[in-house]
Amino acid sequence: MAGGKETTRQRMINIMYLVLLAMLALNVSDTILNAFKNINDSLNTSKTNVNNSVTQLFTSFENTKLKEEPARAKPIYDKAVQARAVADDLNSYIDKLKEHFVKEGQGYSEESGDLVERANLDISPGYMVNQGEGLKLKNKINETREKLISLVDPKDRQGLTFSLEANDPKKAVEGKRKWEEINFGEGTPLTAAMTVLTKIQTDTKNAESDVVKKIFGKMDQAVVNLDQFSAVAVAPSSYVVAGQPYTAEVFLTASDSKSNPDIAVNGAKLATQNGRGKYTVGTSREGVFTWVGSIRVKQNDGTIKEYKTAPQTYQVARPSAVVSPDKMNVLYVGVPNPVSVSAPGIAREKLHLSISGGSISGSAGKFVATVSSPGTTAKITVSGETSPGKTQVLGVQEFRVKRIPDPKAQFAGKSSGTTASGNIKAQDKVFAKLENFDFDAKFNVTRFSLTIIKPRQDAITISGSGSELSGPMRAALATITPGSRVVFDNIIAVGPDGTQRGLDPIVLLAN
């Protein structure tokens, strides 16, 4: 009412206005009050449902992502917990305002289930407007909104549409210019004020849910966060033959130190650390081996994409050293000459040999050379596949070509010396044997002469062909006595090279 001196008529008008306000307060219908109560109950149910949904989000994240990828998930989880704490702070603040309304409203009526003073028009404006609690609530709402938004990445904030906000209207509403006056001011029944507070709590829970979903969603969006970089050089081989170019690729690689993707080699899963897997395999067998690595990464839509490396090849060889005696490189005519070849860094299967003045065959580092012209020099050329489709000469080795050494003629296991007469009589063949020669070369005796010299008798000489004793030779040997000399001479033998060799005579003394 206006101040100063009033006329009687003015006093009457003011009294009538106050009576009218009192009548309006008394005439707030139960239908309207019940409607507010129903809305409040519905908002409480909605708030509970949203809260359960948020709780399920946290439980699911804790049981899956936080256990499977703790390094990546923990920072995301902590941010979501922070969002929940911000929302709970506002919710707790509003609960205290509600407690004041319940106390001032004399508790709840068993008949209506609502506040006893639910129609009261003075409690809400008196506490929220006159005592300034509404302004504090408005500031708390806007502060909470800003805190929740700040927890979301700037690029994702456009998608936030929650209605948690308390702004003064641009134009007055029924003469009211402040947010707190519109929601809690003059003419607001206590039950309506309680409903407004419940709506704010529901808006808070919805805002919390939207922010938590955005935060947890980053776990799937940022499946691979490339935060670790390395310079890498990869060469097809670290062993290079002179004349062969050395090539290597130099590039930058990136990995996610907080993820543990599925990395496997030839189907066998590898242990990962800092987003990388290390492949280690035993080398108990010789040979050339190939492997292919695969990395399985989860995509934004939940599907799995697999990336495979190019086939990688490595060779396992025995530790070895090659010693070449420069003055003993010899190939023999008439026998197969085994030759072993190896070249560091090149698989034996990739080596090829050729020879001048002969022929050579074999593979995988094992070859056999044959030559036919003694007194000459044979050259063995070694070539190898140094890269796919490219063959290069690795070296040339010269060998002297020699004929097989002459064998020793033997009879009764001896080339000379004394032996029992009975042993001599029991033999029937002359042999030609190679001594201290590693090759499997055989000589056949083609002819020889036998001379028997008995004590105080004339010598008897018998000639024959082949290696076996003829009948006359056997008959003559049967008559020898101790002190007799048995001489085999003019011995001719033929070896694998086809040449005739004249061998040293055999002189035996019978005893």
Protein backbone atom coordinates (compact mmCIF):
# COMPACT_ATOMS: atom_id res chain seq x y z
CA MET A 1 0.00 0.00 0.00
CA ALA A 2 1.05 3.58 -0.64
CA GLY A 3 2.61 5.54 2.22
CA GLY A 4 1.71 9.07 3.48
CA LYS A 5 -1.67 10.51 4.54
CA GLU A 6 -4.60 8.56 3.12
CA THR A 7 -8.22 9.52 2.64
CA THR A 8 -10.98 7.42 4.10
CA ARG A 9 -11.85 6.14 0.64
CA GLN A 10 -8.26 5.11 0.00
CA ARG A 11 -8.15 3.22 3.30
CA MET A 12 -11.28 1.35 2.32
CA ILE A 13 -9.80 0.33 -1.07
CA ASN A 14 -6.65 -0.99 0.54
CA ILE A 15 -8.56 -3.00 3.11
CA MET A 16 -10.72 -4.52 0.35
CA TYR A 17 -7.51 -5.52 -1.63
CA LEU A 18 -6.10 -7.28 1.40
CA VAL A 19 -9.37 -9.09 1.97
CA LEU A 20 -9.42 -10.14 -1.70
CA LEU A 21 -5.87 -11.57 -1.45
CA ALA A 22 -6.87 -13.46 1.66
CA MET A 23 -9.92 -14.83 -0.10
CA LEU A 24 -7.81 -15.90 -3.09
CA ALA A 25 -5.43 -17.68 -0.76
CA LEU A 26 -8.29 -19.47 0.88
CA ASN A 27 -9.82 -20.36 -2.44
CA VAL A 28 -6.80 -22.17 -4.09
CA SER A 29 -8.71 -25.23 -5.17
CA ASP A 30 -7.77 -28.76 -4.09
CA THR A 31 -7.84 -29.73 -7.77
CA ILE A 32 -4.94 -27.39 -8.54
CA LEU A 33 -3.04 -28.45 -5.43
CA ASN A 34 -3.55 -32.14 -6.27
CA ALA A 35 -2.30 -31.49 -9.79
CA PHE A 36 0.93 -30.04 -8.38
CA LYS A 37 1.29 -33.09 -6.11
CA ASN A 38 0.81 -35.47 -9.06
CA ILE A 39 3.39 -33.61 -11.12
CA ASN A 40 5.79 -33.70 -8.17
CA ASP A 41 5.31 -37.48 -7.78
CA SER A 42 5.85 -38.01 -11.51
CA LEU A 43 9.05 -35.93 -11.44
CA ASN A 44 10.34 -37.93 -8.48
CA THR A 45 9.74 -41.16 -10.40
CA SER A 46 11.54 -39.78 -13.45
CA LYS A 47 14.45 -38.63 -11.28
CA THR A 48 14.75 -42.10 -9.75
CA ASN A 49 14.72 -43.77 -13.18
CA VAL A 50 17.44 -41.48 -14.52
CA ASN A 51 19.52 -42.05 -11.40
CA ASN A 52 19.23 -45.84 -11.86
CA SER A 53 20.29 -45.46 -15.49
CA VAL A 54 23.38 -43.47 -14.50
CA THR A 55 24.23 -46.04 -11.83
CA GLN A 56 24.03 -48.81 -14.45
CA LEU A 57 26.37 -46.85 -16.73
CA PHE A 58 28.95 -46.66 -13.95
CA THR A 59 28.56 -50.35 -13.04
CA SER A 60 28.93 -51.49 -16.64
CA PHE A 61 32.02 -49.33 -17.18
CA GLU A 62 33.61 -50.57 -13.94
CA ASN A 63 33.04 -54.24 -14.86
CA THR A 64 34.32 -53.98 -18.44
CA LYS A 65 36.45 -51.08 -19.59
CA LEU A 66 37.99 -50.28 -16.21
CA LYS A 67 39.12 -53.91 -15.82
CA GLU A 68 40.09 -54.59 -19.44
CA GLU A 69 41.97 -51.34 -20.19
CA PRO A 70 42.67 -49.64 -16.83
CA ALA A 71 45.33 -47.27 -18.16
CA ARG A 72 42.96 -45.80 -20.77
CA ALA A 73 39.75 -46.08 -18.78
CA LYS A 74 40.84 -44.60 -15.42
CA PRO A 75 41.10 -40.92 -16.52
CA ILE A 76 37.73 -41.19 -18.28
CA TYR A 77 36.15 -42.85 -15.24
CA ASP A 78 37.53 -40.19 -12.89
CA LYS A 79 36.00 -37.43 -15.00
CA ALA A 80 32.59 -39.16 -14.91
CA VAL A 81 32.85 -39.47 -11.11
CA GLN A 82 33.57 -35.74 -10.98
CA ALA A 83 30.39 -35.05 -12.98
CA ARG A 84 28.37 -37.15 -10.56
CA ALA A 85 29.85 -35.27 -7.60
CA VAL A 86 28.94 -31.88 -9.14
CA ALA A 87 25.34 -32.99 -9.70
CA ASP A 88 25.06 -34.52 -6.22
CA ASP A 89 26.22 -31.26 -4.67
CA LEU A 90 23.31 -29.32 -6.23
CA ASN A 91 20.88 -32.12 -5.41
CA SER A 92 21.94 -32.07 -1.73
CA TYR A 93 21.56 -28.30 -1.62
CA ILE A 94 17.97 -28.56 -2.91
CA ASP A 95 17.20 -31.33 -0.40
CA LYS A 96 18.02 -28.85 2.38
CA LEU A 97 15.57 -26.32 0.88
CA LYS A 98 12.91 -29.02 0.79
CA GLU A 99 13.59 -29.89 4.43
CA HIS A 100 12.88 -26.24 5.33
CA PHE A 101 9.61 -26.29 3.38
CA VAL A 102 8.55 -29.54 5.07
CA LYS A 103 9.27 -28.10 8.49
CA GLU A 104 7.49 -24.80 7.75
CA GLY A 105 4.64 -26.69 6.12
CA GLN A 106 4.08 -28.77 9.32
CA GLY A 107 5.03 -32.07 7.69
CA TYR A 108 2.92 -34.34 5.54
CA SER A 109 -0.77 -35.02 5.87
CA GLU A 110 -1.83 -38.67 5.99
CA GLU A 111 -5.07 -37.78 4.24
CA SER A 112 -3.63 -35.95 1.20
CA GLY A 113 -0.11 -37.34 1.20
CA ASP A 114 1.00 -33.75 0.67
CA LEU A 115 2.25 -31.05 3.00
CA VAL A 116 -0.25 -29.95 5.64
CA GLU A 117 0.25 -26.32 4.64
CA ARG A 118 0.46 -27.08 0.94
CA ALA A 119 -1.80 -24.15 0.04
CA ASN A 120 0.24 -21.67 2.04
CA LEU A 121 1.21 -18.65 -0.11
CA ASP A 122 3.65 -17.02 2.31
CA ILE A 123 6.29 -19.71 3.08
CA SER A 124 7.80 -19.90 -0.40
CA PRO A 125 8.07 -16.17 -1.21
CA GLY A 126 9.11 -15.38 2.36
CA TYR A 127 12.02 -17.83 2.35
CA MET A 128 13.05 -17.88 -1.30
CA VAL A 129 12.53 -14.22 -2.24
CA ASN A 130 12.54 -12.13 0.92
CA GLN A 131 15.38 -14.09 2.60
CA GLY A 132 17.33 -14.45 -0.70
CA GLU A 133 17.47 -18.27 -0.86
CA GLY A 134 16.02 -18.20 -4.39
CA LEU A 135 18.89 -16.02 -5.65
CA LYS A 136 21.39 -18.42 -4.05
CA LEU A 137 19.65 -21.36 -5.75
CA LYS A 138 19.69 -19.59 -9.11
CA ASN A 139 23.43 -18.97 -8.84
CA LYS A 140 24.00 -22.58 -7.70
CA ILE A 141 22.08 -23.93 -10.71
CA ASN A 142 24.05 -21.88 -13.23
CA GLU A 143 27.34 -22.69 -11.51
CA THR A 144 26.50 -26.42 -11.67
CA ARG A 145 25.60 -26.12 -15.35
CA GLU A 146 28.96 -24.53 -16.17
CA LYS A 147 30.89 -27.13 -14.19
CA LEU A 148 29.14 -30.01 -15.98
CA ILE A 149 29.70 -28.45 -19.41
CA SER A 150 33.39 -27.88 -18.64
CA LEU A 151 33.84 -31.64 -18.15
CA VAL A 152 32.88 -32.28 -21.80
CA ASP A 153 35.34 -31.75 -24.65
CA PRO A 154 34.62 -28.43 -26.42
CA LYS A 155 33.91 -30.15 -29.75
CA ASP A 156 31.20 -32.30 -28.08
CA ARG A 157 29.42 -29.50 -26.19
CA GLN A 158 27.14 -28.59 -29.08
CA GLY A 159 25.25 -31.82 -28.57
CA LEU A 160 24.36 -30.94 -24.97
CA THR A 161 20.74 -29.76 -24.69
CA PHE A 162 19.91 -30.22 -21.01
CA SER A 163 17.49 -27.74 -19.45
CA LEU A 164 19.39 -27.17 -16.21
CA GLU A 165 19.44 -23.35 -16.31
CA ALA A 166 18.08 -20.42 -14.26
CA ASN A 167 17.87 -17.10 -16.11
CA ASP A 168 15.90 -13.96 -15.47
CA PRO A 169 13.25 -13.33 -18.18
CA LYS A 170 13.95 -10.73 -20.85
CA LYS A 171 10.48 -9.30 -20.27
CA ALA A 172 8.54 -9.08 -17.03
CA VAL A 173 6.05 -11.90 -16.39
CA GLU A 174 2.99 -10.58 -14.58
CA GLY A 175 5.16 -7.83 -13.18
CA LYS A 176 7.89 -10.23 -12.03
CA ARG A 177 11.40 -9.65 -13.42
CA LYS A 178 13.48 -12.22 -11.51
CA TRP A 179 13.70 -16.00 -11.95
CA GLU A 180 13.24 -16.54 -8.21
CA GLU A 181 10.13 -14.32 -8.16
CA ILE A 182 8.52 -16.20 -11.06
CA ASN A 183 9.14 -19.64 -9.51
CA PHE A 184 8.81 -18.91 -5.78
CA GLY A 185 7.37 -15.41 -5.45
CA GLU A 186 4.01 -13.98 -4.43
CA GLY A 187 1.05 -16.21 -5.11
CA THR A 188 3.09 -19.48 -5.16
CA PRO A 189 1.52 -22.24 -3.05
CA LEU A 190 3.99 -24.27 -0.99
CA THR A 191 3.25 -27.50 -2.91
CA ALA A 192 4.01 -25.66 -6.19
CA ALA A 193 7.35 -24.50 -4.80
CA MET A 194 8.16 -28.12 -3.80
CA THR A 195 7.31 -29.23 -7.35
CA VAL A 196 9.66 -26.60 -8.81
CA LEU A 197 12.49 -27.88 -6.60
CA THR A 198 11.80 -31.48 -7.68
CA LYS A 199 11.84 -30.42 -11.34
CA ILE A 200 15.26 -28.78 -10.82
CA GLN A 201 16.53 -32.02 -9.26
CA THR A 202 15.20 -33.99 -12.25
CA ASP A 203 16.87 -31.54 -14.65
CA THR A 204 20.08 -31.99 -12.69
CA LYS A 205 19.92 -35.78 -13.02
CA ASN A 206 19.20 -35.52 -16.75
CA ALA A 207 22.15 -33.16 -17.20
CA GLU A 208 24.37 -35.55 -15.21
CA SER A 209 23.23 -38.46 -17.41
CA ASP A 210 23.97 -36.56 -20.65
CA VAL A 211 27.44 -35.55 -19.47
CA VAL A 212 28.35 -39.01 -18.17
CA LYS A 213 27.26 -40.60 -21.48
CA LYS A 214 29.43 -38.13 -23.41
CA ILE A 215 32.42 -38.84 -21.15
CA PHE A 216 32.08 -42.65 -21.26
CA GLY A 217 31.52 -42.42 -25.01
CA LYS A 218 35.09 -41.19 -25.43
CA MET A 219 36.28 -44.70 -24.57
CA ASP A 220 34.87 -46.02 -27.84
CA GLN A 221 35.53 -42.93 -29.92
CA ALA A 222 39.21 -42.82 -29.02
CA VAL A 223 39.92 -46.50 -29.59
CA VAL A 224 43.43 -45.68 -30.76
CA ASN A 225 44.99 -42.57 -29.29
CA LEU A 226 48.34 -42.14 -31.00
CA ASP A 227 50.48 -40.64 -28.27
CA GLN A 228 53.82 -42.41 -28.68
CA PHE A 229 56.03 -41.81 -31.69
CA SER A 230 59.25 -43.45 -32.86
CA ALA A 231 61.56 -43.15 -35.85
CA VAL A 232 62.08 -46.56 -37.46
CA ALA A 233 64.46 -47.87 -40.12
CA VAL A 234 63.65 -51.21 -41.76
CA ALA A 235 66.05 -52.96 -44.14
CA PRO A 236 65.27 -56.18 -46.06
CA SER A 237 68.62 -57.55 -44.89
CA SER A 238 71.49 -56.45 -42.69
CA TYR A 239 73.90 -58.57 -44.75
CA VAL A 240 74.97 -57.09 -48.08
CA VAL A 241 77.29 -58.58 -50.67
CA ALA A 242 79.75 -56.23 -52.39
CA GLY A 243 78.12 -54.83 -55.49
CA GLN A 244 74.63 -55.22 -54.05
CA PRO A 245 72.93 -51.92 -53.04
CA TYR A 246 71.94 -51.47 -49.41
CA THR A 247 68.34 -50.28 -49.11
CA ALA A 248 66.23 -49.34 -46.11
CA GLU A 249 62.93 -47.58 -45.39
CA VAL A 250 62.97 -44.78 -42.82
CA PHE A 251 59.63 -43.59 -41.44
CA LEU A 252 57.73 -42.44 -38.36
CA THR A 253 55.57 -44.89 -36.42
CA ALA A 254 52.94 -44.11 -33.81
CA SER A 255 51.35 -46.27 -31.14
CA ASP A 256 48.85 -45.97 -28.31
CA SER A 257 50.69 -46.41 -25.00
CA LYS A 258 47.44 -46.80 -23.06
CA SER A 259 45.83 -49.51 -25.15
CA ASN A 260 46.48 -53.22 -25.39
CA PRO A 261 45.25 -54.28 -28.84
CA ASP A 262 45.11 -57.92 -29.91
CA ILE A 263 48.47 -58.58 -31.59
CA ALA A 264 49.28 -62.02 -32.99
CA VAL A 265 51.93 -63.72 -35.14
CA ASN A 266 50.86 -66.67 -37.28
CA GLY A 267 47.70 -66.84 -35.15
CA ALA A 268 49.51 -66.94 -31.77
CA LYS A 269 48.60 -64.00 -29.52
CA LEU A 270 51.45 -61.86 -28.17
CA ALA A 271 51.72 -60.14 -24.81
CA THR A 272 51.51 -56.36 -25.24
CA GLN A 273 53.04 -53.49 -23.30
CA ASN A 274 52.57 -49.79 -24.02
CA GLY A 275 50.50 -50.74 -27.07
CA ARG A 276 53.29 -52.89 -28.57
CA GLY A 277 53.80 -56.63 -28.90
CA LYS A 278 57.18 -58.39 -28.98
CA TYR A 279 57.63 -61.55 -31.07
CA THR A 280 60.24 -64.02 -29.81
CA VAL A 281 60.72 -67.54 -31.18
CA GLY A 282 63.27 -70.31 -30.66
CA THR A 283 65.79 -71.15 -33.40
CA SER A 284 66.45 -74.85 -32.82
CA ARG A 285 65.96 -75.78 -36.48
CA GLU A 286 67.89 -74.61 -39.51
CA GLY A 287 66.11 -73.19 -42.52
CA VAL A 288 64.21 -70.22 -43.88
CA PHE A 289 61.09 -69.20 -41.94
CA THR A 290 58.27 -66.75 -42.69
CA TRP A 291 55.81 -65.06 -40.34
CA VAL A 292 52.91 -62.61 -40.64
CA GLY A 293 51.75 -60.32 -37.83
CA SER A 294 48.17 -59.11 -37.30
CA ILE A 295 46.69 -56.34 -35.15
CA ARG A 296 42.98 -56.26 -34.29
CA VAL A 297 41.55 -52.83 -33.35
CA LYS A 298 38.06 -51.97 -32.18
CA GLN A 299 36.30 -49.35 -34.34
CA ASN A 300 33.88 -46.60 -33.29
CA ASP A 301 30.85 -48.71 -34.25
CA GLY A 302 32.04 -51.62 -32.11
CA THR A 303 33.28 -53.74 -35.01
CA ILE A 304 36.81 -55.16 -35.11
CA LYS A 305 39.19 -54.30 -37.94
CA GLU A 306 42.30 -56.38 -38.60
CA TYR A 307 45.57 -55.07 -40.00
CA LYS A 308 48.27 -57.47 -41.29
CA THR A 309 51.98 -56.97 -41.84
CA ALA A 310 53.76 -57.96 -45.02
CA PRO A 311 55.31 -61.47 -44.79
CA GLN A 312 58.59 -61.33 -42.87
CA THR A 313 61.38 -63.86 -43.59
CA TYR A 314 64.39 -64.89 -41.55
CA GLN A 315 67.04 -67.60 -41.90
CA VAL A 316 68.41 -69.86 -39.18
CA ALA A 317 71.89 -71.32 -39.83
CA ARG A 318 74.39 -73.22 -37.73
CA PRO A 319 77.37 -71.24 -36.44
CA SER A 320 80.18 -72.06 -38.87
CA ALA A 321 83.58 -71.00 -40.14
CA VAL A 322 85.03 -71.86 -43.55
CA VAL A 323 88.79 -72.61 -43.78
CA SER A 324 90.19 -72.85 -47.32
CA PRO A 325 93.75 -74.26 -47.66
CA ASP A 326 95.10 -72.29 -50.65
CA LYS A 327 97.62 -74.98 -51.73
CA MET A 328 95.39 -78.03 -51.35
CA ASN A 329 92.36 -77.18 -53.49
CA VAL A 330 92.34 -80.37 -55.57
CA LEU A 331 89.77 -82.19 -57.67
CA TYR A 332 90.50 -85.78 -58.71
CA VAL A 333 89.75 -87.29 -62.10
CA GLY A 334 87.53 -90.36 -62.15
CA VAL A 335 85.78 -89.93 -58.80
CA PRO A 336 82.88 -87.75 -57.58
CA ASN A 337 84.34 -84.80 -55.66
CA PRO A 338 81.95 -83.57 -52.90
CA VAL A 339 81.82 -79.79 -52.50
CA SER A 340 80.02 -77.93 -49.65
CA VAL A 341 79.16 -74.26 -50.12
CA SER A 342 77.64 -71.61 -47.83
CA ALA A 343 77.34 -67.85 -48.01
CA PRO A 344 76.53 -65.72 -44.94
CA GLY A 345 73.15 -64.06 -45.22
CA ILE A 346 71.94 -66.20 -48.14
CA ALA A 347 69.94 -69.40 -47.77
CA ARG A 348 71.70 -72.50 -49.06
CA GLU A 349 68.69 -73.22 -51.25
CA LYS A 350 69.44 -69.96 -53.07
CA LEU A 351 73.03 -70.93 -54.02
CA HIS A 352 74.02 -72.18 -57.51
CA LEU A 353 77.38 -73.55 -58.74
CA SER A 354 79.01 -73.90 -62.15
CA ILE A 355 82.43 -75.34 -63.14
CA SER A 356 84.84 -75.02 -66.03
CA GLY A 357 86.46 -78.21 -67.40
CA GLY A 358 83.94 -80.54 -65.84
CA SER A 359 80.40 -80.82 -64.52
CA ILE A 360 78.74 -80.19 -61.18
CA SER A 361 75.37 -81.14 -59.69
CA GLY A 362 73.53 -80.84 -56.37
CA SER A 363 71.58 -78.31 -54.30
CA ALA A 364 71.08 -76.81 -50.82
CA GLY A 365 74.81 -76.28 -50.30
CA LYS A 366 75.81 -79.88 -51.17
CA PHE A 367 77.31 -80.48 -54.65
CA VAL A 368 79.37 -83.09 -56.52
CA ALA A 369 82.01 -82.10 -59.13
CA THR A 370 83.51 -84.36 -61.79
CA VAL A 371 86.59 -83.51 -63.88
CA SER A 372 88.43 -85.32 -66.71
CA SER A 373 91.71 -83.53 -67.56
CA PRO A 374 94.54 -83.95 -65.04
CA GLY A 375 97.15 -81.25 -64.94
CA THR A 376 94.66 -78.45 -65.63
CA THR A 377 92.81 -75.96 -63.44
CA ALA A 378 89.04 -76.02 -62.85
CA LYS A 379 87.14 -72.92 -61.71
CA ILE A 380 84.01 -73.23 -59.56
CA THR A 381 81.74 -70.15 -59.66
CA VAL A 382 79.26 -69.57 -56.80
CA SER A 383 76.12 -67.48 -57.51
CA GLY A 384 73.30 -66.60 -55.15
CA GLU A 385 69.87 -64.99 -55.16
CA THR A 386 70.58 -61.81 -53.19
CA SER A 387 67.07 -60.44 -53.66
CA PRO A 388 63.87 -61.69 -55.29
CA GLY A 389 64.53 -62.22 -58.99
CA LYS A 390 68.17 -61.10 -58.79
CA THR A 391 71.18 -63.46 -58.94
CA GLN A 392 74.72 -62.28 -58.26
CA VAL A 393 78.14 -63.94 -58.50
CA LEU A 394 79.45 -64.36 -54.97
CA GLY A 395 82.87 -65.78 -55.69
CA VAL A 396 85.15 -67.93 -57.90
CA GLN A 397 87.47 -70.64 -56.54
CA GLU A 398 90.25 -72.37 -58.54
CA PHE A 399 91.02 -76.09 -58.08
CA ARG A 400 93.94 -78.12 -59.41
CA VAL A 401 92.86 -81.21 -61.31
CA LYS A 402 94.94 -84.31 -60.50
CA ARG A 403 94.74 -88.01 -61.24
CA ILE A 404 94.17 -90.44 -58.41
CA PRO A 405 97.46 -91.59 -56.75
CA ASP A 406 98.86 -95.02 -57.70
CA PRO A 407 97.66 -97.85 -55.50
CA LYS A 408 99.86 -100.43 -53.77
CA ALA A 409 99.89 -104.03 -55.04
CA GLN A 410 99.20 -106.60 -52.30
CA PHE A 411 99.21 -110.38 -52.00
CA ALA A 412 98.34 -112.21 -48.81
CA GLY A 413 97.70 -108.77 -47.30
CA LYS A 414 101.28 -107.59 -47.86
CA SER A 415 103.30 -105.58 -50.34
CA SER A 416 106.61 -106.99 -49.08
CA GLY A 417 108.18 -108.78 -46.14
CA THR A 418 108.03 -112.23 -44.53
CA THR A 419 104.92 -114.38 -44.18
CA ALA A 420 104.11 -118.03 -43.56
CA SER A 421 104.34 -120.36 -46.55
CA GLY A 422 100.93 -121.71 -45.66
CA ASN A 423 99.45 -118.19 -45.91
CA ILE A 424 100.97 -117.74 -49.37
CA LYS A 425 99.60 -121.08 -50.57
CA ALA A 426 96.09 -120.14 -49.37
CA GLN A 427 95.81 -116.97 -51.51
CA ASP A 428 94.53 -116.82 -55.09
CA LYS A 429 94.42 -113.15 -56.09
CA VAL A 430 96.56 -110.00 -56.44
CA PHE A 431 94.99 -106.76 -55.18
CA ALA A 432 95.67 -103.05 -55.89
CA LYS A 433 94.68 -100.88 -52.92
CA LEU A 434 94.80 -97.13 -52.28
CA GLU A 435 96.25 -96.21 -48.92
CA ASN A 436 95.31 -92.96 -47.08
CA PHE A 437 92.95 -91.84 -49.80
CA ASP A 438 89.49 -90.65 -48.70
CA PHE A 439 87.67 -91.16 -51.97
CA ASP A 440 85.93 -94.40 -52.84
CA ALA A 441 88.16 -95.34 -55.81
CA LYS A 442 88.83 -98.95 -56.88
CA PHE A 443 91.67 -100.34 -59.01
CA ASN A 444 91.56 -103.72 -60.80
CA VAL A 445 94.77 -105.69 -61.60
CA THR A 446 94.77 -106.65 -65.31
CA ARG A 447 98.02 -108.65 -65.55
CA PHE A 448 101.17 -109.63 -63.65
CA SER A 449 104.08 -112.12 -63.61
CA LEU A 450 104.86 -114.61 -60.81
CA THR A 451 108.47 -115.65 -60.07
CA ILE A 452 109.27 -118.39 -57.50
CA ILE A 453 112.84 -118.80 -56.28
CA LYS A 454 113.39 -121.90 -54.12
CA PRO A 455 116.60 -122.43 -52.16
CA ARG A 456 119.35 -123.96 -54.36
CA GLN A 457 116.93 -124.22 -57.34
CA ASP A 458 116.42 -122.30 -60.55
CA ALA A 459 113.79 -119.55 -60.62
CA ILE A 460 110.40 -120.25 -62.20
CA THR A 461 108.51 -117.34 -63.92
CA ILE A 462 104.86 -117.60 -64.99
CA SER A 463 102.83 -114.75 -66.57
CA GLY A 464 99.04 -114.35 -66.45
CA SER A 465 96.17 -111.97 -67.11
CA GLY A 466 93.59 -110.62 -64.72
CA SER A 467 94.07 -110.47 -60.97
CA GLU A 468 93.56 -114.14 -60.10
CA LEU A 469 96.27 -116.87 -60.06
CA SER A 470 96.22 -119.22 -62.98
CA GLY A 471 96.34 -123.01 -62.56
CA PRO A 472 100.09 -123.27 -63.21
CA MET A 473 100.64 -120.44 -60.71
CA ARG A 474 98.68 -122.24 -57.99
CA ALA A 475 100.57 -125.51 -58.72
CA ALA A 476 103.91 -123.73 -58.48
CA LEU A 477 102.99 -121.97 -55.22
CA ALA A 478 101.92 -125.29 -53.71
CA THR A 479 105.55 -126.50 -53.85
CA ILE A 480 107.20 -123.65 -51.98
CA THR A 481 109.03 -124.32 -48.75
CA PRO A 482 110.32 -122.05 -46.03
CA GLY A 483 113.10 -119.87 -47.40
CA SER A 484 111.44 -119.58 -50.84
CA ARG A 485 111.02 -116.14 -52.40
CA VAL A 486 107.78 -115.25 -54.18
CA VAL A 487 107.94 -112.22 -56.47
CA PHE A 488 105.01 -110.54 -58.30
CA ASP A 489 106.15 -107.98 -60.87
CA ASN A 490 105.12 -106.41 -64.14
CA ILE A 491 101.87 -105.61 -62.32
CA ILE A 492 99.42 -103.50 -64.32
CA ALA A 493 96.20 -102.05 -62.76
CA VAL A 494 93.40 -99.85 -64.15
CA GLY A 495 91.53 -97.32 -61.95
CA PRO A 496 88.26 -95.34 -62.29
CA ASP A 497 89.95 -92.81 -64.59
CA GLY A 498 90.63 -95.62 -67.14
CA THR A 499 94.41 -95.25 -67.24
CA GLN A 500 96.82 -98.19 -66.81
CA ARG A 501 99.17 -97.95 -63.85
CA GLY A 502 102.40 -99.97 -63.50
CA LEU A 503 102.69 -100.90 -59.81
CA ASP A 504 105.70 -101.66 -57.67
CA PRO A 505 106.62 -105.42 -57.41
CA ILE A 506 105.62 -107.55 -54.40
CA VAL A 507 108.53 -109.48 -52.81
CA LEU A 508 107.58 -112.03 -50.12
CA LEU A 509 109.81 -114.44 -48.15
CA ALA A 510 108.12 -117.66 -47.01
CA ASN A 511 108.91 -119.03 -43.57
